[in-house]
Amino acid sequence: MIFINKTYSRKFKAEFNIVYEIADTSCPMKDWKEYADLTVYMALNELLSGKKREAFELYKHLLSLWDGKGFRDKAFRGVYQTYKCALFAYLYRALNEPREGRNIYIVCQKWEMVEL
């Protein structure tokens, strides 16, 4: 990490360091598609780069990780991570609500209604 500057937050009444982290490119993650959240991030990256077709292909792959209750990806250990539903909903909307995945979007919306 490279130190850039310090900043003070009145809201948190604390000083924070601003740092720049350099990615370690010596060991690329080859199985990133096996994780729902990383698939969403890459799809959004493709979409922001103007590659809608590639983003939609990743979206379709994301749909394959859905098991009817949640995203059962490589990180799944018996408990569904609802933030992945939120990421899915964000991507779904960014892709202009495709017909594919509408049922998943509806289930994810119901998760928002659950009080924890």
PDB file of N, CA and C in Angstrom:
ATOM      1  N   MET A   1       0.840  -1.181   0.000  1.00  0.00           N
ATOM      2  CA  MET A   1       0.000   0.000   0.000  1.00  0.00           C
ATOM      3  C   MET A   1       0.883   1.241   0.000  1.00  0.00           C
ATOM      4  N   ILE A   2       0.398   2.238  -0.665  1.00  0.00           N
ATOM      5  CA  ILE A   2       1.118   3.506  -0.751  1.00  0.00           C
ATOM      6  C   ILE A   2       0.280   4.577  -0.053  1.00  0.00           C
ATOM      7  N   PHE A   3       0.850   5.223   0.931  1.00  0.00           N
ATOM      8  CA  PHE A   3       0.168   6.301   1.641  1.00  0.00           C
ATOM      9  C   PHE A   3       0.004   7.499   0.713  1.00  0.00           C
ATOM     10  N   ILE A   4      -1.213   8.059   0.675  1.00  0.00           N
ATOM     11  CA  ILE A   4      -1.464   9.221  -0.172  1.00  0.00           C
ATOM     12  C   ILE A   4      -1.672  10.478   0.663  1.00  0.00           C
ATOM     13  N   ASN A   5      -2.547  10.379   1.671  1.00  0.00           N
ATOM     14  CA  ASN A   5      -2.868  11.562   2.456  1.00  0.00           C
ATOM     15  C   ASN A   5      -3.663  11.146   3.691  1.00  0.00           C
ATOM     16  N   LYS A   6      -4.011  12.116   4.505  1.00  0.00           N
ATOM     17  CA  LYS A   6      -4.895  11.909   5.653  1.00  0.00           C
ATOM     18  C   LYS A   6      -6.099  12.818   5.463  1.00  0.00           C
ATOM     19  N   THR A   7      -7.220  12.400   6.023  1.00  0.00           N
ATOM     20  CA  THR A   7      -8.413  13.239   5.983  1.00  0.00           C
ATOM     21  C   THR A   7      -9.150  13.086   7.302  1.00  0.00           C
ATOM     22  N   TYR A   8      -9.834  14.130   7.704  1.00  0.00           N
ATOM     23  CA  TYR A   8     -10.592  14.105   8.946  1.00  0.00           C
ATOM     24  C   TYR A   8     -12.077  14.061   8.631  1.00  0.00           C
ATOM     25  N   SER A   9     -12.794  13.188   9.316  1.00  0.00           N
ATOM     26  CA  SER A   9     -14.238  13.071   9.144  1.00  0.00           C
ATOM     27  C   SER A   9     -14.937  13.693  10.338  1.00  0.00           C
ATOM     28  N   ARG A  10     -15.707  14.744  10.080  1.00  0.00           N
ATOM     29  CA  ARG A  10     -16.479  15.360  11.159  1.00  0.00           C
ATOM     30  C   ARG A  10     -17.566  14.411  11.628  1.00  0.00           C
ATOM     31  N   LYS A  11     -18.136  13.673  10.689  1.00  0.00           N
ATOM     32  CA  LYS A  11     -19.221  12.741  11.031  1.00  0.00           C
ATOM     33  C   LYS A  11     -18.741  11.683  12.029  1.00  0.00           C
ATOM     34  N   PHE A  12     -17.571  11.091  11.776  1.00  0.00           N
ATOM     35  CA  PHE A  12     -17.050  10.028  12.634  1.00  0.00           C
ATOM     36  C   PHE A  12     -16.065  10.532  13.686  1.00  0.00           C
ATOM     37  N   LYS A  13     -15.744  11.828  13.606  1.00  0.00           N
ATOM     38  CA  LYS A  13     -14.804  12.445  14.549  1.00  0.00           C
ATOM     39  C   LYS A  13     -13.515  11.619  14.625  1.00  0.00           C
ATOM     40  N   ALA A  14     -12.987  11.344  13.436  1.00  0.00           N
ATOM     41  CA  ALA A  14     -11.770  10.532  13.360  1.00  0.00           C
ATOM     42  C   ALA A  14     -10.968  10.914  12.125  1.00  0.00           C
ATOM     43  N   GLU A  15      -9.688  10.631  12.200  1.00  0.00           N
ATOM     44  CA  GLU A  15      -8.805  10.865  11.064  1.00  0.00           C
ATOM     45  C   GLU A  15      -8.564   9.537  10.347  1.00  0.00           C
ATOM     46  N   PHE A  16      -8.575   9.577   9.030  1.00  0.00           N
ATOM     47  CA  PHE A  16      -8.374   8.374   8.230  1.00  0.00           C
ATOM     48  C   PHE A  16      -7.214   8.572   7.269  1.00  0.00           C
ATOM     49  N   ASN A  17      -6.486   7.498   7.041  1.00  0.00           N
ATOM     50  CA  ASN A  17      -5.425   7.506   6.037  1.00  0.00           C
ATOM     51  C   ASN A  17      -6.010   7.115   4.695  1.00  0.00           C
ATOM     52  N   ILE A  18      -5.616   7.818   3.657  1.00  0.00           N
ATOM     53  CA  ILE A  18      -5.996   7.461   2.299  1.00  0.00           C
ATOM     54  C   ILE A  18      -4.798   6.746   1.696  1.00  0.00           C
ATOM     55  N   VAL A  19      -5.021   5.515   1.288  1.00  0.00           N
ATOM     56  CA  VAL A  19      -3.926   4.719   0.745  1.00  0.00           C
ATOM     57  C   VAL A  19      -4.329   4.153  -0.613  1.00  0.00           C
ATOM     58  N   TYR A  20      -3.342   3.826  -1.387  1.00  0.00           N
ATOM     59  CA  TYR A  20      -3.522   3.213  -2.695  1.00  0.00           C
ATOM     60  C   TYR A  20      -2.961   1.802  -2.596  1.00  0.00           C
ATOM     61  N   GLU A  21      -3.797   0.822  -2.884  1.00  0.00           N
ATOM     62  CA  GLU A  21      -3.356  -0.564  -2.785  1.00  0.00           C
ATOM     63  C   GLU A  21      -3.023  -1.091  -4.176  1.00  0.00           C
ATOM     64  N   ILE A  22      -1.871  -1.667  -4.292  1.00  0.00           N
ATOM     65  CA  ILE A  22      -1.430  -2.227  -5.563  1.00  0.00           C
ATOM     66  C   ILE A  22      -1.791  -3.707  -5.583  1.00  0.00           C
ATOM     67  N   ALA A  23      -2.530  -4.111  -6.604  1.00  0.00           N
ATOM     68  CA  ALA A  23      -2.969  -5.497  -6.714  1.00  0.00           C
ATOM     69  C   ALA A  23      -1.787  -6.428  -6.961  1.00  0.00           C
ATOM     70  N   ASP A  24      -1.864  -7.588  -6.343  1.00  0.00           N
ATOM     71  CA  ASP A  24      -0.852  -8.618  -6.575  1.00  0.00           C
ATOM     72  C   ASP A  24      -1.286  -9.420  -7.804  1.00  0.00           C
ATOM     73  N   THR A  25      -0.681  -9.147  -8.919  1.00  0.00           N
ATOM     74  CA  THR A  25      -1.062  -9.816 -10.166  1.00  0.00           C
ATOM     75  C   THR A  25      -0.292 -11.112 -10.401  1.00  0.00           C
ATOM     76  N   SER A  26       0.522 -11.502  -9.435  1.00  0.00           N
ATOM     77  CA  SER A  26       1.335 -12.712  -9.615  1.00  0.00           C
ATOM     78  C   SER A  26       0.524 -13.995  -9.449  1.00  0.00           C
ATOM     79  N   CYS A  27      -0.657 -13.893  -8.830  1.00  0.00           N
ATOM     80  CA  CYS A  27      -1.483 -15.096  -8.647  1.00  0.00           C
ATOM     81  C   CYS A  27      -2.942 -14.771  -8.963  1.00  0.00           C
ATOM     82  N   PRO A  28      -3.289 -14.724 -10.244  1.00  0.00           N
ATOM     83  CA  PRO A  28      -4.664 -14.379 -10.624  1.00  0.00           C
ATOM     84  C   PRO A  28      -5.663 -15.429 -10.146  1.00  0.00           C
ATOM     85  N   MET A  29      -6.847 -14.975  -9.827  1.00  0.00           N
ATOM     86  CA  MET A  29      -7.912 -15.862  -9.358  1.00  0.00           C
ATOM     87  C   MET A  29      -8.607 -16.442 -10.586  1.00  0.00           C
ATOM     88  N   LYS A  30      -8.399 -17.712 -10.838  1.00  0.00           N
ATOM     89  CA  LYS A  30      -8.925 -18.336 -12.049  1.00  0.00           C
ATOM     90  C   LYS A  30     -10.353 -18.843 -11.889  1.00  0.00           C
ATOM     91  N   ASP A  31     -10.803 -19.002 -10.648  1.00  0.00           N
ATOM     92  CA  ASP A  31     -12.140 -19.549 -10.420  1.00  0.00           C
ATOM     93  C   ASP A  31     -13.167 -18.484 -10.021  1.00  0.00           C
ATOM     94  N   TRP A  32     -12.943 -17.233 -10.382  1.00  0.00           N
ATOM     95  CA  TRP A  32     -13.825 -16.144  -9.970  1.00  0.00           C
ATOM     96  C   TRP A  32     -15.260 -16.335 -10.419  1.00  0.00           C
ATOM     97  N   LYS A  33     -15.484 -17.057 -11.515  1.00  0.00           N
ATOM     98  CA  LYS A  33     -16.854 -17.271 -11.995  1.00  0.00           C
ATOM     99  C   LYS A  33     -17.652 -18.196 -11.082  1.00  0.00           C
ATOM    100  N   GLU A  34     -16.980 -18.849 -10.171  1.00  0.00           N
ATOM    101  CA  GLU A  34     -17.669 -19.743  -9.245  1.00  0.00           C
ATOM    102  C   GLU A  34     -18.241 -18.997  -8.042  1.00  0.00           C
ATOM    103  N   TYR A  35     -18.053 -17.687  -7.994  1.00  0.00           N
ATOM    104  CA  TYR A  35     -18.543 -16.840  -6.909  1.00  0.00           C
ATOM    105  C   TYR A  35     -19.560 -15.847  -7.483  1.00  0.00           C
ATOM    106  N   ALA A  36     -20.756 -15.842  -6.932  1.00  0.00           N
ATOM    107  CA  ALA A  36     -21.827 -14.981  -7.444  1.00  0.00           C
ATOM    108  C   ALA A  36     -21.445 -13.502  -7.392  1.00  0.00           C
ATOM    109  N   ASP A  37     -20.881 -13.053  -6.288  1.00  0.00           N
ATOM    110  CA  ASP A  37     -20.564 -11.634  -6.159  1.00  0.00           C
ATOM    111  C   ASP A  37     -19.499 -11.199  -7.163  1.00  0.00           C
ATOM    112  N   LEU A  38     -18.476 -12.011  -7.350  1.00  0.00           N
ATOM    113  CA  LEU A  38     -17.432 -11.650  -8.305  1.00  0.00           C
ATOM    114  C   LEU A  38     -17.959 -11.658  -9.738  1.00  0.00           C
ATOM    115  N   THR A  39     -18.894 -12.550 -10.018  1.00  0.00           N
ATOM    116  CA  THR A  39     -19.512 -12.579 -11.348  1.00  0.00           C
ATOM    117  C   THR A  39     -20.296 -11.299 -11.599  1.00  0.00           C
ATOM    118  N   VAL A  40     -21.016 -10.836 -10.581  1.00  0.00           N
ATOM    119  CA  VAL A  40     -21.758  -9.576 -10.713  1.00  0.00           C
ATOM    120  C   VAL A  40     -20.796  -8.417 -10.953  1.00  0.00           C
ATOM    121  N   TYR A  41     -19.720  -8.365 -10.170  1.00  0.00           N
ATOM    122  CA  TYR A  41     -18.759  -7.269 -10.329  1.00  0.00           C
ATOM    123  C   TYR A  41     -18.167  -7.246 -11.741  1.00  0.00           C
ATOM    124  N   MET A  42     -17.843  -8.413 -12.271  1.00  0.00           N
ATOM    125  CA  MET A  42     -17.276  -8.460 -13.618  1.00  0.00           C
ATOM    126  C   MET A  42     -18.337  -8.066 -14.654  1.00  0.00           C
ATOM    127  N   ALA A  43     -19.572  -8.511 -14.463  1.00  0.00           N
ATOM    128  CA  ALA A  43     -20.643  -8.142 -15.395  1.00  0.00           C
ATOM    129  C   ALA A  43     -20.859  -6.630 -15.389  1.00  0.00           C
ATOM    130  N   LEU A  44     -20.839  -6.025 -14.219  1.00  0.00           N
ATOM    131  CA  LEU A  44     -20.991  -4.570 -14.136  1.00  0.00           C
ATOM    132  C   LEU A  44     -19.813  -3.863 -14.787  1.00  0.00           C
ATOM    133  N   ASN A  45     -18.628  -4.402 -14.609  1.00  0.00           N
ATOM    134  CA  ASN A  45     -17.450  -3.838 -15.249  1.00  0.00           C
ATOM    135  C   ASN A  45     -17.602  -3.888 -16.775  1.00  0.00           C
ATOM    136  N   GLU A  46     -18.062  -5.017 -17.286  1.00  0.00           N
ATOM    137  CA  GLU A  46     -18.273  -5.153 -18.732  1.00  0.00           C
ATOM    138  C   GLU A  46     -19.330  -4.152 -19.208  1.00  0.00           C
ATOM    139  N   LEU A  47     -20.390  -4.027 -18.449  1.00  0.00           N
ATOM    140  CA  LEU A  47     -21.461  -3.104 -18.821  1.00  0.00           C
ATOM    141  C   LEU A  47     -20.951  -1.666 -18.855  1.00  0.00           C
ATOM    142  N   LEU A  48     -20.172  -1.289 -17.851  1.00  0.00           N
ATOM    143  CA  LEU A  48     -19.614   0.066 -17.810  1.00  0.00           C
ATOM    144  C   LEU A  48     -18.599   0.304 -18.923  1.00  0.00           C
ATOM    145  N   SER A  49     -18.032  -0.778 -19.436  1.00  0.00           N
ATOM    146  CA  SER A  49     -17.076  -0.678 -20.547  1.00  0.00           C
ATOM    147  C   SER A  49     -17.768  -0.735 -21.905  1.00  0.00           C
ATOM    148  N   GLY A  50     -19.101  -0.745 -21.887  1.00  0.00           N
ATOM    149  CA  GLY A  50     -19.855  -0.766 -23.134  1.00  0.00           C
ATOM    150  C   GLY A  50     -20.004  -2.146 -23.752  1.00  0.00           C
ATOM    151  N   LYS A  51     -19.690  -3.186 -23.001  1.00  0.00           N
ATOM    152  CA  LYS A  51     -19.766  -4.555 -23.513  1.00  0.00           C
ATOM    153  C   LYS A  51     -21.019  -5.237 -22.972  1.00  0.00           C
ATOM    154  N   LYS A  52     -22.176  -4.825 -23.464  1.00  0.00           N
ATOM    155  CA  LYS A  52     -23.451  -5.331 -22.954  1.00  0.00           C
ATOM    156  C   LYS A  52     -23.621  -6.826 -23.205  1.00  0.00           C
ATOM    157  N   ARG A  53     -23.203  -7.318 -24.360  1.00  0.00           N
ATOM    158  CA  ARG A  53     -23.349  -8.742 -24.665  1.00  0.00           C
ATOM    159  C   ARG A  53     -22.554  -9.591 -23.676  1.00  0.00           C
ATOM    160  N   GLU A  54     -21.319  -9.184 -23.384  1.00  0.00           N
ATOM    161  CA  GLU A  54     -20.485  -9.910 -22.434  1.00  0.00           C
ATOM    162  C   GLU A  54     -21.082  -9.852 -21.027  1.00  0.00           C
ATOM    163  N   ALA A  55     -21.631  -8.692 -20.668  1.00  0.00           N
ATOM    164  CA  ALA A  55     -22.275  -8.538 -19.365  1.00  0.00           C
ATOM    165  C   ALA A  55     -23.465  -9.473 -19.250  1.00  0.00           C
ATOM    166  N   PHE A  56     -24.237  -9.579 -20.329  1.00  0.00           N
ATOM    167  CA  PHE A  56     -25.412 -10.442 -20.306  1.00  0.00           C
ATOM    168  C   PHE A  56     -25.013 -11.914 -20.228  1.00  0.00           C
ATOM    169  N   GLU A  57     -23.922 -12.291 -20.870  1.00  0.00           N
ATOM    170  CA  GLU A  57     -23.436 -13.678 -20.772  1.00  0.00           C
ATOM    171  C   GLU A  57     -23.056 -14.005 -19.325  1.00  0.00           C
ATOM    172  N   LEU A  58     -22.410 -13.083 -18.650  1.00  0.00           N
ATOM    173  CA  LEU A  58     -22.072 -13.294 -17.242  1.00  0.00           C
ATOM    174  C   LEU A  58     -23.337 -13.342 -16.390  1.00  0.00           C
ATOM    175  N   TYR A  59     -24.314 -12.529 -16.729  1.00  0.00           N
ATOM    176  CA  TYR A  59     -25.600 -12.537 -16.034  1.00  0.00           C
ATOM    177  C   TYR A  59     -26.254 -13.915 -16.172  1.00  0.00           C
ATOM    178  N   LYS A  60     -26.233 -14.469 -17.362  1.00  0.00           N
ATOM    179  CA  LYS A  60     -26.808 -15.802 -17.573  1.00  0.00           C
ATOM    180  C   LYS A  60     -26.068 -16.848 -16.749  1.00  0.00           C
ATOM    181  N   HIS A  61     -24.746 -16.709 -16.649  1.00  0.00           N
ATOM    182  CA  HIS A  61     -23.984 -17.626 -15.800  1.00  0.00           C
ATOM    183  C   HIS A  61     -24.410 -17.472 -14.340  1.00  0.00           C
ATOM    184  N   LEU A  62     -24.627 -16.240 -13.898  1.00  0.00           N
ATOM    185  CA  LEU A  62     -25.072 -15.969 -12.539  1.00  0.00           C
ATOM    186  C   LEU A  62     -26.395 -16.681 -12.259  1.00  0.00           C
ATOM    187  N   LEU A  63     -27.289 -16.677 -13.244  1.00  0.00           N
ATOM    188  CA  LEU A  63     -28.575 -17.363 -13.080  1.00  0.00           C
ATOM    189  C   LEU A  63     -28.373 -18.846 -12.785  1.00  0.00           C
ATOM    190  N   SER A  64     -27.322 -19.441 -13.334  1.00  0.00           N
ATOM    191  CA  SER A  64     -27.067 -20.870 -13.118  1.00  0.00           C
ATOM    192  C   SER A  64     -26.637 -21.167 -11.682  1.00  0.00           C
ATOM    193  N   LEU A  65     -26.219 -20.155 -10.934  1.00  0.00           N
ATOM    194  CA  LEU A  65     -25.820 -20.348  -9.547  1.00  0.00           C
ATOM    195  C   LEU A  65     -27.009 -20.292  -8.584  1.00  0.00           C
ATOM    196  N   TRP A  66     -28.164 -19.914  -9.092  1.00  0.00           N
ATOM    197  CA  TRP A  66     -29.378 -19.812  -8.286  1.00  0.00           C
ATOM    198  C   TRP A  66     -29.971 -21.206  -8.097  1.00  0.00           C
ATOM    199  N   ASP A  67     -30.293 -21.568  -6.859  1.00  0.00           N
ATOM    200  CA  ASP A  67     -30.844 -22.903  -6.595  1.00  0.00           C
ATOM    201  C   ASP A  67     -32.311 -22.887  -6.179  1.00  0.00           C
ATOM    202  N   GLY A  68     -32.958 -21.742  -6.321  1.00  0.00           N
ATOM    203  CA  GLY A  68     -34.358 -21.623  -5.933  1.00  0.00           C
ATOM    204  C   GLY A  68     -34.547 -20.885  -4.624  1.00  0.00           C
ATOM    205  N   LYS A  69     -33.501 -20.798  -3.834  1.00  0.00           N
ATOM    206  CA  LYS A  69     -33.563 -20.099  -2.542  1.00  0.00           C
ATOM    207  C   LYS A  69     -32.530 -18.988  -2.450  1.00  0.00           C
ATOM    208  N   GLY A  70     -31.407 -19.188  -3.113  1.00  0.00           N
ATOM    209  CA  GLY A  70     -30.315 -18.227  -3.052  1.00  0.00           C
ATOM    210  C   GLY A  70     -29.217 -18.629  -4.011  1.00  0.00           C
ATOM    211  N   PHE A  71     -28.128 -17.905  -3.949  1.00  0.00           N
ATOM    212  CA  PHE A  71     -27.004 -18.199  -4.832  1.00  0.00           C
ATOM    213  C   PHE A  71     -26.081 -19.203  -4.128  1.00  0.00           C
ATOM    214  N   ARG A  72     -26.073 -20.415  -4.662  1.00  0.00           N
ATOM    215  CA  ARG A  72     -25.240 -21.490  -4.101  1.00  0.00           C
ATOM    216  C   ARG A  72     -23.941 -21.517  -4.904  1.00  0.00           C
ATOM    217  N   ASP A  73     -23.006 -20.710  -4.458  1.00  0.00           N
ATOM    218  CA  ASP A  73     -21.722 -20.600  -5.155  1.00  0.00           C
ATOM    219  C   ASP A  73     -20.630 -21.292  -4.352  1.00  0.00           C
ATOM    220  N   LYS A  74     -19.406 -21.107  -4.744  1.00  0.00           N
ATOM    221  CA  LYS A  74     -18.281 -21.780  -4.097  1.00  0.00           C
ATOM    222  C   LYS A  74     -18.138 -21.385  -2.624  1.00  0.00           C
ATOM    223  N   ALA A  75     -18.601 -20.212  -2.261  1.00  0.00           N
ATOM    224  CA  ALA A  75     -18.501 -19.740  -0.879  1.00  0.00           C
ATOM    225  C   ALA A  75     -19.641 -20.264  -0.001  1.00  0.00           C
ATOM    226  N   PHE A  76     -20.643 -20.897  -0.583  1.00  0.00           N
ATOM    227  CA  PHE A  76     -21.813 -21.369   0.155  1.00  0.00           C
ATOM    228  C   PHE A  76     -21.417 -22.425   1.181  1.00  0.00           C
ATOM    229  N   ARG A  77     -21.809 -22.192   2.425  1.00  0.00           N
ATOM    230  CA  ARG A  77     -21.517 -23.137   3.513  1.00  0.00           C
ATOM    231  C   ARG A  77     -22.782 -23.418   4.318  1.00  0.00           C
ATOM    232  N   GLY A  78     -23.923 -23.545   3.621  1.00  0.00           N
ATOM    233  CA  GLY A  78     -25.184 -23.852   4.288  1.00  0.00           C
ATOM    234  C   GLY A  78     -26.016 -22.641   4.642  1.00  0.00           C
ATOM    235  N   VAL A  79     -25.464 -21.448   4.480  1.00  0.00           N
ATOM    236  CA  VAL A  79     -26.184 -20.214   4.784  1.00  0.00           C
ATOM    237  C   VAL A  79     -26.106 -19.310   3.560  1.00  0.00           C
ATOM    238  N   TYR A  80     -27.265 -18.822   3.111  1.00  0.00           N
ATOM    239  CA  TYR A  80     -27.293 -17.930   1.958  1.00  0.00           C
ATOM    240  C   TYR A  80     -26.878 -16.525   2.375  1.00  0.00           C
ATOM    241  N   GLN A  81     -26.106 -15.889   1.537  1.00  0.00           N
ATOM    242  CA  GLN A  81     -25.658 -14.527   1.799  1.00  0.00           C
ATOM    243  C   GLN A  81     -26.565 -13.584   1.013  1.00  0.00           C
ATOM    244  N   THR A  82     -27.419 -12.854   1.750  1.00  0.00           N
ATOM    245  CA  THR A  82     -28.434 -12.035   1.102  1.00  0.00           C
ATOM    246  C   THR A  82     -27.850 -10.854   0.328  1.00  0.00           C
ATOM    247  N   TYR A  83     -26.614 -10.446   0.638  1.00  0.00           N
ATOM    248  CA  TYR A  83     -26.037  -9.338  -0.126  1.00  0.00           C
ATOM    249  C   TYR A  83     -25.856  -9.729  -1.589  1.00  0.00           C
ATOM    250  N   LYS A  84     -25.747 -11.031  -1.855  1.00  0.00           N
ATOM    251  CA  LYS A  84     -25.619 -11.480  -3.238  1.00  0.00           C
ATOM    252  C   LYS A  84     -26.932 -11.277  -3.977  1.00  0.00           C
ATOM    253  N   CYS A  85     -28.044 -11.377  -3.262  1.00  0.00           N
ATOM    254  CA  CYS A  85     -29.346 -11.065  -3.856  1.00  0.00           C
ATOM    255  C   CYS A  85     -29.404  -9.574  -4.206  1.00  0.00           C
ATOM    256  N   ALA A  86     -28.874  -8.745  -3.338  1.00  0.00           N
ATOM    257  CA  ALA A  86     -28.858  -7.301  -3.603  1.00  0.00           C
ATOM    258  C   ALA A  86     -27.995  -6.993  -4.824  1.00  0.00           C
ATOM    259  N   LEU A  87     -26.845  -7.646  -4.915  1.00  0.00           N
ATOM    260  CA  LEU A  87     -25.983  -7.450  -6.085  1.00  0.00           C
ATOM    261  C   LEU A  87     -26.688  -7.916  -7.357  1.00  0.00           C
ATOM    262  N   PHE A  88     -27.365  -9.058  -7.267  1.00  0.00           N
ATOM    263  CA  PHE A  88     -28.120  -9.551  -8.419  1.00  0.00           C
ATOM    264  C   PHE A  88     -29.155  -8.516  -8.857  1.00  0.00           C
ATOM    265  N   ALA A  89     -29.917  -7.975  -7.886  1.00  0.00           N
ATOM    266  CA  ALA A  89     -30.963  -6.993  -8.198  1.00  0.00           C
ATOM    267  C   ALA A  89     -30.363  -5.767  -8.879  1.00  0.00           C
ATOM    268  N   TYR A  90     -29.207  -5.341  -8.419  1.00  0.00           N
ATOM    269  CA  TYR A  90     -28.537  -4.186  -9.015  1.00  0.00           C
ATOM    270  C   TYR A  90     -28.175  -4.465 -10.472  1.00  0.00           C
ATOM    271  N   LEU A  91     -27.602  -5.638 -10.725  1.00  0.00           N
ATOM    272  CA  LEU A  91     -27.237  -6.014 -12.093  1.00  0.00           C
ATOM    273  C   LEU A  91     -28.479  -6.183 -12.960  1.00  0.00           C
ATOM    274  N   TYR A  92     -29.501  -6.802 -12.408  1.00  0.00           N
ATOM    275  CA  TYR A  92     -30.763  -7.009 -13.126  1.00  0.00           C
ATOM    276  C   TYR A  92     -31.319  -5.671 -13.619  1.00  0.00           C
ATOM    277  N   ARG A  93     -31.326  -4.690 -12.750  1.00  0.00           N
ATOM    278  CA  ARG A  93     -31.818  -3.360 -13.132  1.00  0.00           C
ATOM    279  C   ARG A  93     -30.886  -2.685 -14.134  1.00  0.00           C
ATOM    280  N   ALA A  94     -29.586  -2.855 -13.936  1.00  0.00           N
ATOM    281  CA  ALA A  94     -28.608  -2.242 -14.847  1.00  0.00           C
ATOM    282  C   ALA A  94     -28.744  -2.802 -16.262  1.00  0.00           C
ATOM    283  N   LEU A  95     -29.193  -4.045 -16.373  1.00  0.00           N
ATOM    284  CA  LEU A  95     -29.402  -4.683 -17.683  1.00  0.00           C
ATOM    285  C   LEU A  95     -30.823  -4.451 -18.204  1.00  0.00           C
ATOM    286  N   ASN A  96     -31.528  -3.503 -17.606  1.00  0.00           N
ATOM    287  CA  ASN A  96     -32.891  -3.140 -18.015  1.00  0.00           C
ATOM    288  C   ASN A  96     -33.898  -4.266 -17.818  1.00  0.00           C
ATOM    289  N   GLU A  97     -33.761  -4.974 -16.708  1.00  0.00           N
ATOM    290  CA  GLU A  97     -34.710  -5.991 -16.269  1.00  0.00           C
ATOM    291  C   GLU A  97     -35.040  -7.030 -17.338  1.00  0.00           C
ATOM    292  N   PRO A  98     -34.060  -7.849 -17.696  1.00  0.00           N
ATOM    293  CA  PRO A  98     -34.312  -8.876 -18.711  1.00  0.00           C
ATOM    294  C   PRO A  98     -35.358  -9.890 -18.246  1.00  0.00           C
ATOM    295  N   ARG A  99     -36.040 -10.485 -19.208  1.00  0.00           N
ATOM    296  CA  ARG A  99     -37.062 -11.489 -18.896  1.00  0.00           C
ATOM    297  C   ARG A  99     -36.448 -12.631 -18.094  1.00  0.00           C
ATOM    298  N   GLU A 100     -35.271 -13.075 -18.524  1.00  0.00           N
ATOM    299  CA  GLU A 100     -34.573 -14.120 -17.797  1.00  0.00           C
ATOM    300  C   GLU A 100     -34.200 -13.614 -16.408  1.00  0.00           C
ATOM    301  N   GLY A 101     -34.558 -14.345 -15.406  1.00  0.00           N
ATOM    302  CA  GLY A 101     -34.202 -13.966 -14.043  1.00  0.00           C
ATOM    303  C   GLY A 101     -35.255 -13.162 -13.312  1.00  0.00           C
ATOM    304  N   ARG A 102     -36.380 -12.888 -13.949  1.00  0.00           N
ATOM    305  CA  ARG A 102     -37.434 -12.104 -13.302  1.00  0.00           C
ATOM    306  C   ARG A 102     -37.894 -12.772 -12.006  1.00  0.00           C
ATOM    307  N   ASN A 103     -38.043 -14.109 -12.047  1.00  0.00           N
ATOM    308  CA  ASN A 103     -38.486 -14.830 -10.850  1.00  0.00           C
ATOM    309  C   ASN A 103     -37.458 -14.716  -9.719  1.00  0.00           C
ATOM    310  N   ILE A 104     -36.176 -14.713 -10.052  1.00  0.00           N
ATOM    311  CA  ILE A 104     -35.131 -14.556  -9.039  1.00  0.00           C
ATOM    312  C   ILE A 104     -35.211 -13.158  -8.425  1.00  0.00           C
ATOM    313  N   TYR A 105     -35.431 -12.173  -9.269  1.00  0.00           N
ATOM    314  CA  TYR A 105     -35.559 -10.792  -8.793  1.00  0.00           C
ATOM    315  C   TYR A 105     -36.713 -10.680  -7.795  1.00  0.00           C
ATOM    316  N   ILE A 106     -37.827 -11.324  -8.092  1.00  0.00           N
ATOM    317  CA  ILE A 106     -38.994 -11.280  -7.203  1.00  0.00           C
ATOM    318  C   ILE A 106     -38.658 -11.916  -5.853  1.00  0.00           C
ATOM    319  N   VAL A 107     -37.985 -13.075  -5.872  1.00  0.00           N
ATOM    320  CA  VAL A 107     -37.593 -13.730  -4.613  1.00  0.00           C
ATOM    321  C   VAL A 107     -36.641 -12.832  -3.830  1.00  0.00           C
ATOM    322  N   CYS A 108     -35.690 -12.232  -4.515  1.00  0.00           N
ATOM    323  CA  CYS A 108     -34.735 -11.347  -3.837  1.00  0.00           C
ATOM    324  C   CYS A 108     -35.432 -10.140  -3.232  1.00  0.00           C
ATOM    325  N   GLN A 109     -36.463  -9.631  -3.896  1.00  0.00           N
ATOM    326  CA  GLN A 109     -37.218  -8.503  -3.351  1.00  0.00           C
ATOM    327  C   GLN A 109     -37.917  -8.909  -2.057  1.00  0.00           C
ATOM    328  N   LYS A 110     -38.384 -10.149  -1.973  1.00  0.00           N
ATOM    329  CA  LYS A 110     -39.042 -10.626  -0.749  1.00  0.00           C
ATOM    330  C   LYS A 110     -38.057 -10.671   0.413  1.00  0.00           C
ATOM    331  N   TRP A 111     -36.788 -10.982   0.128  1.00  0.00           N
ATOM    332  CA  TRP A 111     -35.776 -11.002   1.181  1.00  0.00           C
ATOM    333  C   TRP A 111     -35.644  -9.626   1.831  1.00  0.00           C
ATOM    334  N   GLU A 112     -35.863  -8.563   1.053  1.00  0.00           N
ATOM    335  CA  GLU A 112     -35.783  -7.206   1.600  1.00  0.00           C
ATOM    336  C   GLU A 112     -36.850  -6.952   2.647  1.00  0.00           C
ATOM    337  N   MET A 113     -37.957  -7.693   2.534  1.00  0.00           N
ATOM    338  CA  MET A 113     -39.094  -7.498   3.442  1.00  0.00           C
ATOM    339  C   MET A 113     -38.897  -8.211   4.763  1.00  0.00           C
ATOM    340  N   VAL A 114     -37.964  -9.151   4.834  1.00  0.00           N
ATOM    341  CA  VAL A 114     -37.753  -9.950   6.042  1.00  0.00           C
ATOM    342  C   VAL A 114     -37.046  -9.112   7.087  1.00  0.00           C
ATOM    343  N   GLU A 115     -37.609  -9.099   8.301  1.00  0.00           N
ATOM    344  CA  GLU A 115     -36.972  -8.372   9.392  1.00  0.00           C
ATOM    345  C   GLU A 115     -35.990  -9.275  10.096  1.00  0.00           C
ATOM    346  N   LEU A 116     -34.786  -8.813  10.274  1.00  0.00           N
ATOM    347  CA  LEU A 116     -33.773  -9.627  10.958  1.00  0.00           C
ATOM    348  C   LEU A 116     -33.676  -9.265  12.412  1.00  0.00           C
TER     349      LEU A 116
END
